[in-house]
Amino acid sequence: MKQKLVLGLIIAAIVIASMASQGMAAGVRPLVIDLDLRPGDIQEFEVVVTPGAEEEIVDLTLYRPIQLRNGSLAYAIPEEGELTAADWVELDRTSVRVFPGEEQRIQGLVRIPFSAGGSYTVVIMVEPRIPQVQQGIAFQVRYAVRLNMRVDRPGLRPSAQLVDFELRPGEEPEP
């Protein structure tokens, strides 16, 4: 009986919140961009912000992922003077106005330094702005677009050379 009452209260709260809430509905694609690069490469990429039912302003910010001790990820804005892979990424716009029925395309550019080698990840956080004047509850959905850069350079991959190869029969002369 008590469980039914609690479940009923939860359902009622969700219904009331959904009636009084304003949700940000813009979307984004792709959520993962994989780039295979070499030192000194310059590569373009594109992020598409898809529209919701209402006009929205969407901000794009570069973050660096941080793996916590429990294995989960946190995101931090690179601090001034901190050298990270986010310094290699440029976006043509950091804020876009998305109108219903219109996609907005944000062009990006990655410039890999000659000293780079290995795998790097930068997160482009796509966040709709919450309107200043609102009633009820507002939900904000952030999208973390992961930009994976694999920079291949000589000496990174282990190599081996086969020196000798022969076949020997077993105890019973089987092949």
N, C-alpha and C. Protein backbone atom coordinates (compact mmCIF):
# COMPACT_ATOMS: atom_id res chain seq x y z
N MET A 1 0.82 -1.19 0.00
CA MET A 1 0.00 0.00 0.00
C MET A 1 0.87 1.26 0.00
N LYS A 2 1.91 1.25 0.84
CA LYS A 2 2.79 2.39 0.94
C LYS A 2 3.55 2.61 -0.37
N GLN A 3 3.95 1.50 -1.02
CA GLN A 3 4.67 1.59 -2.29
C GLN A 3 3.78 2.20 -3.37
N LYS A 4 2.49 1.85 -3.38
CA LYS A 4 1.58 2.40 -4.38
C LYS A 4 1.40 3.90 -4.17
N LEU A 5 1.35 4.33 -2.91
CA LEU A 5 1.21 5.75 -2.61
C LEU A 5 2.44 6.53 -3.07
N VAL A 6 3.62 5.98 -2.80
CA VAL A 6 4.87 6.63 -3.21
C VAL A 6 4.95 6.68 -4.74
N LEU A 7 4.61 5.58 -5.41
CA LEU A 7 4.63 5.53 -6.87
C LEU A 7 3.64 6.54 -7.44
N GLY A 8 2.47 6.65 -6.84
CA GLY A 8 1.47 7.61 -7.30
C GLY A 8 1.96 9.04 -7.14
N LEU A 9 2.63 9.34 -6.02
CA LEU A 9 3.17 10.68 -5.81
C LEU A 9 4.27 11.00 -6.82
N ILE A 10 5.11 10.03 -7.13
CA ILE A 10 6.18 10.24 -8.11
C ILE A 10 5.59 10.51 -9.48
N ILE A 11 4.60 9.73 -9.87
CA ILE A 11 3.96 9.93 -11.18
C ILE A 11 3.28 11.29 -11.23
N ALA A 12 2.61 11.67 -10.16
CA ALA A 12 1.95 12.98 -10.13
C ALA A 12 2.97 14.11 -10.23
N ALA A 13 4.10 13.97 -9.55
CA ALA A 13 5.15 15.00 -9.61
C ALA A 13 5.72 15.12 -11.01
N ILE A 14 5.91 13.99 -11.68
CA ILE A 14 6.44 14.01 -13.04
C ILE A 14 5.44 14.69 -13.98
N VAL A 15 4.17 14.37 -13.85
CA VAL A 15 3.15 14.97 -14.70
C VAL A 15 3.08 16.48 -14.47
N ILE A 16 3.09 16.91 -13.21
CA ILE A 16 3.03 18.34 -12.90
C ILE A 16 4.28 19.04 -13.42
N ALA A 17 5.44 18.42 -13.22
CA ALA A 17 6.69 19.03 -13.69
C ALA A 17 6.70 19.13 -15.21
N SER A 18 6.19 18.13 -15.89
CA SER A 18 6.19 18.18 -17.35
C SER A 18 5.22 19.23 -17.87
N MET A 19 4.13 19.47 -17.15
CA MET A 19 3.18 20.50 -17.57
C MET A 19 3.75 21.88 -17.33
N ALA A 20 4.54 22.05 -16.28
CA ALA A 20 5.07 23.36 -15.91
C ALA A 20 6.49 23.57 -16.38
N SER A 21 7.05 22.60 -17.07
CA SER A 21 8.47 22.72 -17.42
C SER A 21 8.67 23.21 -18.84
N GLN A 22 9.86 23.65 -19.04
CA GLN A 22 10.28 24.07 -20.35
C GLN A 22 11.54 23.28 -20.66
N GLY A 23 11.53 22.50 -21.71
CA GLY A 23 12.69 21.68 -22.03
C GLY A 23 13.44 22.23 -23.22
N MET A 24 14.75 22.18 -23.15
CA MET A 24 15.58 22.58 -24.27
C MET A 24 15.65 21.40 -25.23
N ALA A 25 15.31 21.62 -26.49
CA ALA A 25 15.12 20.49 -27.39
C ALA A 25 16.13 20.41 -28.52
N ALA A 26 17.10 21.27 -28.58
CA ALA A 26 18.09 21.19 -29.65
C ALA A 26 18.90 19.91 -29.50
N GLY A 27 19.31 19.35 -30.62
CA GLY A 27 20.12 18.15 -30.62
C GLY A 27 21.43 18.41 -31.34
N VAL A 28 22.27 17.39 -31.41
CA VAL A 28 23.56 17.55 -32.07
C VAL A 28 23.97 16.22 -32.69
N ARG A 29 24.69 16.31 -33.79
CA ARG A 29 25.27 15.12 -34.40
C ARG A 29 26.56 15.50 -35.10
N PRO A 30 27.53 14.68 -35.20
CA PRO A 30 27.69 13.39 -34.52
C PRO A 30 28.12 13.62 -33.07
N LEU A 31 27.99 12.58 -32.27
CA LEU A 31 28.42 12.67 -30.88
C LEU A 31 29.87 12.26 -30.71
N VAL A 32 30.43 11.57 -31.71
CA VAL A 32 31.84 11.17 -31.68
C VAL A 32 32.45 11.47 -33.03
N ILE A 33 33.58 12.15 -33.02
CA ILE A 33 34.32 12.43 -34.25
C ILE A 33 35.70 11.80 -34.08
N ASP A 34 36.01 10.83 -34.94
CA ASP A 34 37.30 10.14 -34.90
C ASP A 34 38.17 10.65 -36.04
N LEU A 35 39.36 11.09 -35.71
CA LEU A 35 40.30 11.59 -36.71
C LEU A 35 41.61 10.83 -36.60
N ASP A 36 42.06 10.28 -37.72
CA ASP A 36 43.38 9.64 -37.80
C ASP A 36 44.31 10.63 -38.48
N LEU A 37 45.32 11.09 -37.76
CA LEU A 37 46.16 12.19 -38.22
C LEU A 37 47.64 11.85 -38.09
N ARG A 38 48.45 12.73 -38.64
CA ARG A 38 49.91 12.65 -38.51
C ARG A 38 50.41 14.00 -37.98
N PRO A 39 51.58 14.05 -37.39
CA PRO A 39 52.12 15.33 -36.92
C PRO A 39 52.16 16.36 -38.05
N GLY A 40 51.68 17.57 -37.77
CA GLY A 40 51.66 18.64 -38.76
C GLY A 40 50.39 18.69 -39.60
N ASP A 41 49.48 17.71 -39.45
CA ASP A 41 48.25 17.70 -40.24
C ASP A 41 47.29 18.80 -39.80
N ILE A 42 46.50 19.24 -40.77
CA ILE A 42 45.38 20.16 -40.51
C ILE A 42 44.14 19.46 -41.05
N GLN A 43 43.13 19.27 -40.19
CA GLN A 43 41.94 18.51 -40.58
C GLN A 43 40.69 19.30 -40.19
N GLU A 44 39.73 19.36 -41.10
CA GLU A 44 38.45 20.00 -40.83
C GLU A 44 37.45 18.98 -40.33
N PHE A 45 36.48 19.44 -39.54
CA PHE A 45 35.37 18.61 -39.10
C PHE A 45 34.15 19.49 -38.97
N GLU A 46 32.99 18.86 -38.76
CA GLU A 46 31.75 19.61 -38.69
C GLU A 46 30.85 19.06 -37.59
N VAL A 47 30.21 19.95 -36.85
CA VAL A 47 29.21 19.59 -35.85
C VAL A 47 27.90 20.22 -36.30
N VAL A 48 26.83 19.42 -36.33
CA VAL A 48 25.53 19.90 -36.77
C VAL A 48 24.60 19.98 -35.57
N VAL A 49 24.06 21.18 -35.32
CA VAL A 49 23.09 21.37 -34.25
C VAL A 49 21.71 21.31 -34.89
N THR A 50 20.90 20.37 -34.44
CA THR A 50 19.57 20.17 -35.02
C THR A 50 18.54 20.95 -34.21
N PRO A 51 17.47 21.42 -34.88
CA PRO A 51 16.52 22.30 -34.20
C PRO A 51 15.52 21.58 -33.33
N GLY A 52 14.99 22.34 -32.40
CA GLY A 52 13.88 21.89 -31.58
C GLY A 52 12.61 22.58 -32.07
N ALA A 53 11.60 22.64 -31.23
CA ALA A 53 10.32 23.24 -31.61
C ALA A 53 10.35 24.76 -31.48
N GLU A 54 11.31 25.30 -30.71
CA GLU A 54 11.40 26.75 -30.50
C GLU A 54 12.79 27.23 -30.83
N GLU A 55 12.90 28.54 -31.06
CA GLU A 55 14.20 29.16 -31.30
C GLU A 55 15.05 29.06 -30.04
N GLU A 56 16.32 28.70 -30.21
CA GLU A 56 17.23 28.57 -29.07
C GLU A 56 18.59 29.13 -29.42
N ILE A 57 19.31 29.53 -28.39
CA ILE A 57 20.71 29.90 -28.54
C ILE A 57 21.52 28.77 -27.90
N VAL A 58 22.49 28.27 -28.65
CA VAL A 58 23.29 27.13 -28.21
C VAL A 58 24.75 27.56 -28.14
N ASP A 59 25.40 27.27 -27.01
CA ASP A 59 26.81 27.59 -26.81
C ASP A 59 27.65 26.34 -26.99
N LEU A 60 28.83 26.50 -27.59
CA LEU A 60 29.79 25.41 -27.77
C LEU A 60 31.08 25.80 -27.04
N THR A 61 31.53 24.93 -26.15
CA THR A 61 32.72 25.19 -25.34
C THR A 61 33.65 23.99 -25.39
N LEU A 62 34.94 24.25 -25.46
CA LEU A 62 35.93 23.16 -25.47
C LEU A 62 36.28 22.79 -24.03
N TYR A 63 36.26 21.50 -23.74
CA TYR A 63 36.60 20.96 -22.43
C TYR A 63 37.67 19.89 -22.60
N ARG A 64 38.33 19.59 -21.52
CA ARG A 64 39.24 18.44 -21.50
C ARG A 64 38.64 17.41 -20.56
N PRO A 65 38.61 16.15 -20.97
CA PRO A 65 38.06 15.12 -20.07
C PRO A 65 39.07 14.74 -19.00
N ILE A 66 38.55 14.46 -17.81
CA ILE A 66 39.38 14.02 -16.70
C ILE A 66 38.77 12.73 -16.18
N GLN A 67 39.57 11.67 -16.12
CA GLN A 67 39.08 10.41 -15.58
C GLN A 67 39.27 10.41 -14.07
N LEU A 68 38.16 10.18 -13.36
CA LEU A 68 38.20 10.16 -11.91
C LEU A 68 38.66 8.80 -11.40
N ARG A 69 38.96 8.71 -10.12
CA ARG A 69 39.45 7.45 -9.55
C ARG A 69 38.45 6.31 -9.67
N ASN A 70 37.16 6.64 -9.68
CA ASN A 70 36.15 5.58 -9.79
C ASN A 70 35.90 5.18 -11.24
N GLY A 71 36.60 5.79 -12.20
CA GLY A 71 36.48 5.41 -13.59
C GLY A 71 35.55 6.31 -14.40
N SER A 72 34.75 7.12 -13.74
CA SER A 72 33.84 7.99 -14.47
C SER A 72 34.59 9.22 -14.99
N LEU A 73 33.94 9.95 -15.89
CA LEU A 73 34.57 11.11 -16.50
C LEU A 73 34.00 12.40 -15.93
N ALA A 74 34.86 13.38 -15.80
CA ALA A 74 34.46 14.75 -15.47
C ALA A 74 35.04 15.62 -16.58
N TYR A 75 34.52 16.83 -16.71
CA TYR A 75 34.96 17.72 -17.76
C TYR A 75 35.42 19.03 -17.14
N ALA A 76 36.54 19.55 -17.64
CA ALA A 76 37.09 20.80 -17.12
C ALA A 76 37.46 21.69 -18.30
N ILE A 77 37.21 22.98 -18.13
CA ILE A 77 37.65 23.95 -19.13
C ILE A 77 39.15 24.14 -18.94
N PRO A 78 39.94 24.00 -20.01
CA PRO A 78 41.39 24.20 -19.86
C PRO A 78 41.68 25.61 -19.36
N GLU A 79 42.57 25.70 -18.38
CA GLU A 79 42.91 27.00 -17.81
C GLU A 79 43.91 27.72 -18.70
N GLU A 80 43.96 29.02 -18.54
CA GLU A 80 44.88 29.86 -19.31
C GLU A 80 46.32 29.41 -19.07
N GLY A 81 47.06 29.21 -20.14
CA GLY A 81 48.45 28.79 -20.03
C GLY A 81 48.65 27.29 -19.92
N GLU A 82 47.56 26.54 -19.73
CA GLU A 82 47.65 25.09 -19.64
C GLU A 82 47.70 24.52 -21.06
N LEU A 83 48.72 23.76 -21.36
CA LEU A 83 48.86 23.21 -22.70
C LEU A 83 48.09 21.90 -22.81
N THR A 84 47.01 21.91 -23.57
CA THR A 84 46.20 20.71 -23.80
C THR A 84 45.90 20.58 -25.28
N ALA A 85 45.32 19.46 -25.65
CA ALA A 85 44.92 19.24 -27.04
C ALA A 85 43.81 20.20 -27.45
N ALA A 86 43.11 20.80 -26.50
CA ALA A 86 42.07 21.78 -26.83
C ALA A 86 42.67 23.01 -27.53
N ASP A 87 43.96 23.26 -27.31
CA ASP A 87 44.63 24.37 -27.98
C ASP A 87 44.75 24.14 -29.48
N TRP A 88 44.64 22.89 -29.90
CA TRP A 88 44.78 22.56 -31.31
C TRP A 88 43.48 22.70 -32.08
N VAL A 89 42.37 22.89 -31.36
CA VAL A 89 41.04 22.88 -31.97
C VAL A 89 40.50 24.30 -32.06
N GLU A 90 39.98 24.65 -33.23
CA GLU A 90 39.34 25.94 -33.46
C GLU A 90 37.92 25.70 -33.96
N LEU A 91 36.97 26.47 -33.45
CA LEU A 91 35.58 26.44 -33.94
C LEU A 91 35.29 27.78 -34.60
N ASP A 92 34.56 27.76 -35.72
CA ASP A 92 34.26 29.02 -36.39
C ASP A 92 33.26 29.87 -35.60
N ARG A 93 32.45 29.23 -34.74
CA ARG A 93 31.51 29.95 -33.88
C ARG A 93 31.41 29.22 -32.56
N THR A 94 31.26 29.97 -31.49
CA THR A 94 31.07 29.35 -30.17
C THR A 94 29.65 29.53 -29.67
N SER A 95 28.83 30.21 -30.45
CA SER A 95 27.43 30.40 -30.09
C SER A 95 26.63 30.46 -31.39
N VAL A 96 25.52 29.73 -31.45
CA VAL A 96 24.66 29.74 -32.64
C VAL A 96 23.21 29.90 -32.22
N ARG A 97 22.45 30.55 -33.08
CA ARG A 97 21.01 30.67 -32.88
C ARG A 97 20.36 29.63 -33.79
N VAL A 98 19.58 28.73 -33.20
CA VAL A 98 18.96 27.64 -33.93
C VAL A 98 17.47 27.93 -34.05
N PHE A 99 17.00 28.02 -35.29
CA PHE A 99 15.59 28.28 -35.56
C PHE A 99 14.87 26.97 -35.86
N PRO A 100 13.59 26.85 -35.54
CA PRO A 100 12.84 25.62 -35.85
C PRO A 100 12.91 25.32 -37.35
N GLY A 101 13.20 24.08 -37.67
CA GLY A 101 13.27 23.66 -39.08
C GLY A 101 14.59 23.96 -39.76
N GLU A 102 15.56 24.55 -39.06
CA GLU A 102 16.85 24.90 -39.65
C GLU A 102 18.00 24.29 -38.86
N GLU A 103 18.85 23.54 -39.51
CA GLU A 103 20.06 23.04 -38.86
C GLU A 103 21.15 24.10 -38.93
N GLN A 104 21.98 24.12 -37.93
CA GLN A 104 23.14 25.02 -37.93
C GLN A 104 24.40 24.16 -37.96
N ARG A 105 25.30 24.48 -38.86
CA ARG A 105 26.55 23.73 -39.00
C ARG A 105 27.70 24.57 -38.47
N ILE A 106 28.46 23.97 -37.59
CA ILE A 106 29.63 24.64 -37.01
C ILE A 106 30.86 23.95 -37.58
N GLN A 107 31.71 24.72 -38.21
CA GLN A 107 32.93 24.17 -38.80
C GLN A 107 34.04 24.22 -37.76
N GLY A 108 34.82 23.17 -37.74
CA GLY A 108 35.95 23.10 -36.83
C GLY A 108 37.22 22.77 -37.59
N LEU A 109 38.34 23.10 -36.98
CA LEU A 109 39.64 22.85 -37.59
C LEU A 109 40.59 22.36 -36.51
N VAL A 110 41.32 21.30 -36.82
CA VAL A 110 42.32 20.75 -35.91
C VAL A 110 43.68 20.95 -36.54
N ARG A 111 44.60 21.54 -35.79
CA ARG A 111 45.99 21.72 -36.24
C ARG A 111 46.88 20.92 -35.29
N ILE A 112 47.44 19.85 -35.81
CA ILE A 112 48.28 18.97 -35.00
C ILE A 112 49.72 19.49 -35.02
N PRO A 113 50.32 19.73 -33.85
CA PRO A 113 51.72 20.18 -33.84
C PRO A 113 52.65 19.04 -34.26
N PHE A 114 53.82 19.41 -34.71
CA PHE A 114 54.80 18.42 -35.17
C PHE A 114 55.33 17.56 -34.03
N SER A 115 55.20 18.02 -32.81
CA SER A 115 55.70 17.26 -31.66
C SER A 115 54.69 16.26 -31.11
N ALA A 116 53.47 16.23 -31.66
CA ALA A 116 52.41 15.38 -31.12
C ALA A 116 52.57 13.93 -31.57
N GLY A 117 52.10 13.03 -30.74
CA GLY A 117 52.08 11.61 -31.06
C GLY A 117 51.27 10.88 -30.02
N GLY A 118 50.38 10.01 -30.44
CA GLY A 118 49.54 9.27 -29.51
C GLY A 118 48.07 9.61 -29.69
N SER A 119 47.29 9.36 -28.67
CA SER A 119 45.85 9.60 -28.72
C SER A 119 45.47 10.77 -27.80
N TYR A 120 44.60 11.62 -28.30
CA TYR A 120 44.16 12.80 -27.56
C TYR A 120 42.65 12.91 -27.70
N THR A 121 42.00 13.40 -26.65
CA THR A 121 40.56 13.61 -26.69
C THR A 121 40.23 15.01 -26.20
N VAL A 122 39.36 15.67 -26.95
CA VAL A 122 38.82 16.97 -26.58
C VAL A 122 37.31 16.83 -26.63
N VAL A 123 36.62 17.46 -25.70
CA VAL A 123 35.17 17.40 -25.67
C VAL A 123 34.62 18.77 -26.04
N ILE A 124 33.71 18.78 -27.02
CA ILE A 124 33.00 20.00 -27.39
C ILE A 124 31.64 19.91 -26.69
N MET A 125 31.45 20.73 -25.67
CA MET A 125 30.20 20.71 -24.91
C MET A 125 29.20 21.62 -25.63
N VAL A 126 28.06 21.03 -26.00
CA VAL A 126 27.00 21.77 -26.69
C VAL A 126 25.87 21.96 -25.68
N GLU A 127 25.64 23.24 -25.30
CA GLU A 127 24.69 23.54 -24.23
C GLU A 127 23.68 24.60 -24.67
N PRO A 128 22.39 24.26 -24.73
CA PRO A 128 21.39 25.30 -24.99
C PRO A 128 21.31 26.24 -23.79
N ARG A 129 21.19 27.52 -24.07
CA ARG A 129 21.04 28.51 -23.00
C ARG A 129 19.63 28.43 -22.44
N ILE A 130 19.53 28.57 -21.13
CA ILE A 130 18.21 28.61 -20.49
C ILE A 130 17.72 30.04 -20.55
N PRO A 131 16.49 30.27 -21.05
CA PRO A 131 15.97 31.64 -21.12
C PRO A 131 15.93 32.29 -19.74
N GLN A 132 16.13 33.60 -19.70
CA GLN A 132 16.14 34.34 -18.44
C GLN A 132 14.76 34.37 -17.79
N VAL A 133 13.72 34.58 -18.58
CA VAL A 133 12.36 34.65 -18.05
C VAL A 133 11.71 33.30 -18.29
N GLN A 134 11.38 32.62 -17.21
CA GLN A 134 10.78 31.30 -17.34
C GLN A 134 9.88 31.02 -16.15
N GLN A 135 8.96 30.12 -16.36
CA GLN A 135 8.09 29.67 -15.29
C GLN A 135 8.26 28.18 -15.14
N GLY A 136 8.06 27.70 -13.94
CA GLY A 136 8.15 26.27 -13.70
C GLY A 136 9.58 25.78 -13.64
N ILE A 137 9.76 24.57 -14.11
CA ILE A 137 11.05 23.90 -14.06
C ILE A 137 11.65 23.89 -15.45
N ALA A 138 12.93 24.14 -15.57
CA ALA A 138 13.62 24.10 -16.86
C ALA A 138 14.65 22.98 -16.83
N PHE A 139 14.64 22.17 -17.87
CA PHE A 139 15.63 21.12 -18.02
C PHE A 139 16.63 21.55 -19.07
N GLN A 140 17.89 21.36 -18.79
CA GLN A 140 18.93 21.66 -19.75
C GLN A 140 19.67 20.37 -20.08
N VAL A 141 19.76 20.07 -21.37
CA VAL A 141 20.47 18.88 -21.83
C VAL A 141 21.78 19.34 -22.44
N ARG A 142 22.89 18.83 -21.91
CA ARG A 142 24.21 19.12 -22.47
C ARG A 142 24.65 17.91 -23.27
N TYR A 143 25.23 18.18 -24.42
CA TYR A 143 25.78 17.11 -25.25
C TYR A 143 27.29 17.23 -25.24
N ALA A 144 27.96 16.14 -24.94
CA ALA A 144 29.42 16.10 -24.96
C ALA A 144 29.86 15.43 -26.26
N VAL A 145 30.26 16.23 -27.23
CA VAL A 145 30.75 15.70 -28.50
C VAL A 145 32.22 15.38 -28.31
N ARG A 146 32.54 14.10 -28.45
CA ARG A 146 33.92 13.65 -28.20
C ARG A 146 34.72 13.71 -29.50
N LEU A 147 35.81 14.45 -29.49
CA LEU A 147 36.70 14.58 -30.63
C LEU A 147 37.96 13.76 -30.32
N ASN A 148 38.05 12.58 -30.92
CA ASN A 148 39.18 11.68 -30.70
C ASN A 148 40.21 11.88 -31.80
N MET A 149 41.42 12.22 -31.42
CA MET A 149 42.50 12.43 -32.39
C MET A 149 43.59 11.39 -32.14
N ARG A 150 43.80 10.55 -33.12
CA ARG A 150 44.88 9.56 -33.05
C ARG A 150 46.00 10.04 -33.97
N VAL A 151 47.12 10.39 -33.37
CA VAL A 151 48.24 10.94 -34.12
C VAL A 151 49.30 9.85 -34.24
N ASP A 152 49.46 9.36 -35.46
CA ASP A 152 50.42 8.28 -35.73
C ASP A 152 51.75 8.89 -36.14
N ARG A 153 52.79 8.44 -35.50
CA ARG A 153 54.13 8.91 -35.85
C ARG A 153 55.11 7.75 -35.72
N PRO A 154 56.25 7.82 -36.37
CA PRO A 154 57.24 6.74 -36.27
C PRO A 154 57.67 6.51 -34.83
N GLY A 155 57.82 5.26 -34.48
CA GLY A 155 58.29 4.89 -33.15
C GLY A 155 57.18 4.65 -32.14
N LEU A 156 55.94 4.95 -32.49
CA LEU A 156 54.84 4.75 -31.54
C LEU A 156 54.36 3.31 -31.50
N ARG A 157 54.38 2.69 -32.65
CA ARG A 157 53.88 1.31 -32.72
C ARG A 157 55.04 0.34 -32.54
N PRO A 158 54.84 -0.66 -31.70
CA PRO A 158 55.91 -1.65 -31.56
C PRO A 158 56.08 -2.44 -32.86
N SER A 159 57.30 -2.75 -33.17
CA SER A 159 57.56 -3.54 -34.38
C SER A 159 58.42 -4.75 -34.01
N ALA A 160 58.29 -5.77 -34.82
CA ALA A 160 59.07 -6.99 -34.59
C ALA A 160 59.57 -7.50 -35.93
N GLN A 161 60.65 -8.25 -35.87
CA GLN A 161 61.21 -8.82 -37.08
C GLN A 161 61.35 -10.32 -36.85
N LEU A 162 60.85 -11.12 -37.78
CA LEU A 162 60.93 -12.57 -37.68
C LEU A 162 62.32 -13.00 -38.16
N VAL A 163 63.07 -13.60 -37.26
CA VAL A 163 64.44 -13.98 -37.57
C VAL A 163 64.51 -15.41 -38.08
N ASP A 164 63.72 -16.30 -37.48
CA ASP A 164 63.80 -17.71 -37.84
C ASP A 164 62.41 -18.32 -37.75
N PHE A 165 62.13 -19.28 -38.68
CA PHE A 165 60.83 -19.96 -38.67
C PHE A 165 61.06 -21.37 -39.20
N GLU A 166 60.61 -22.37 -38.45
CA GLU A 166 60.74 -23.75 -38.92
C GLU A 166 59.63 -24.60 -38.32
N LEU A 167 59.33 -25.72 -39.00
CA LEU A 167 58.33 -26.66 -38.52
C LEU A 167 59.04 -27.92 -38.07
N ARG A 168 58.67 -28.45 -36.91
CA ARG A 168 59.26 -29.67 -36.40
C ARG A 168 58.15 -30.68 -36.15
N PRO A 169 58.42 -31.96 -36.41
CA PRO A 169 57.39 -32.94 -36.14
C PRO A 169 57.27 -33.20 -34.63
N GLY A 170 56.07 -33.66 -34.21
CA GLY A 170 55.85 -33.97 -32.82
C GLY A 170 56.43 -35.32 -32.47
N GLU A 171 56.03 -35.90 -31.28
CA GLU A 171 56.56 -37.19 -30.86
C GLU A 171 56.16 -38.29 -31.82
N GLU A 172 54.93 -38.26 -32.23
CA GLU A 172 54.51 -39.13 -33.33
C GLU A 172 54.64 -38.28 -34.57
N PRO A 173 55.25 -38.72 -35.60
CA PRO A 173 55.57 -37.82 -36.72
C PRO A 173 54.35 -37.18 -37.39
N GLU A 174 53.60 -36.45 -36.61
CA GLU A 174 52.49 -35.70 -37.21
C GLU A 174 52.99 -34.34 -37.67
N PRO A 175 52.30 -33.74 -38.60
CA PRO A 175 52.77 -32.44 -39.11
C PRO A 175 52.67 -31.37 -38.03
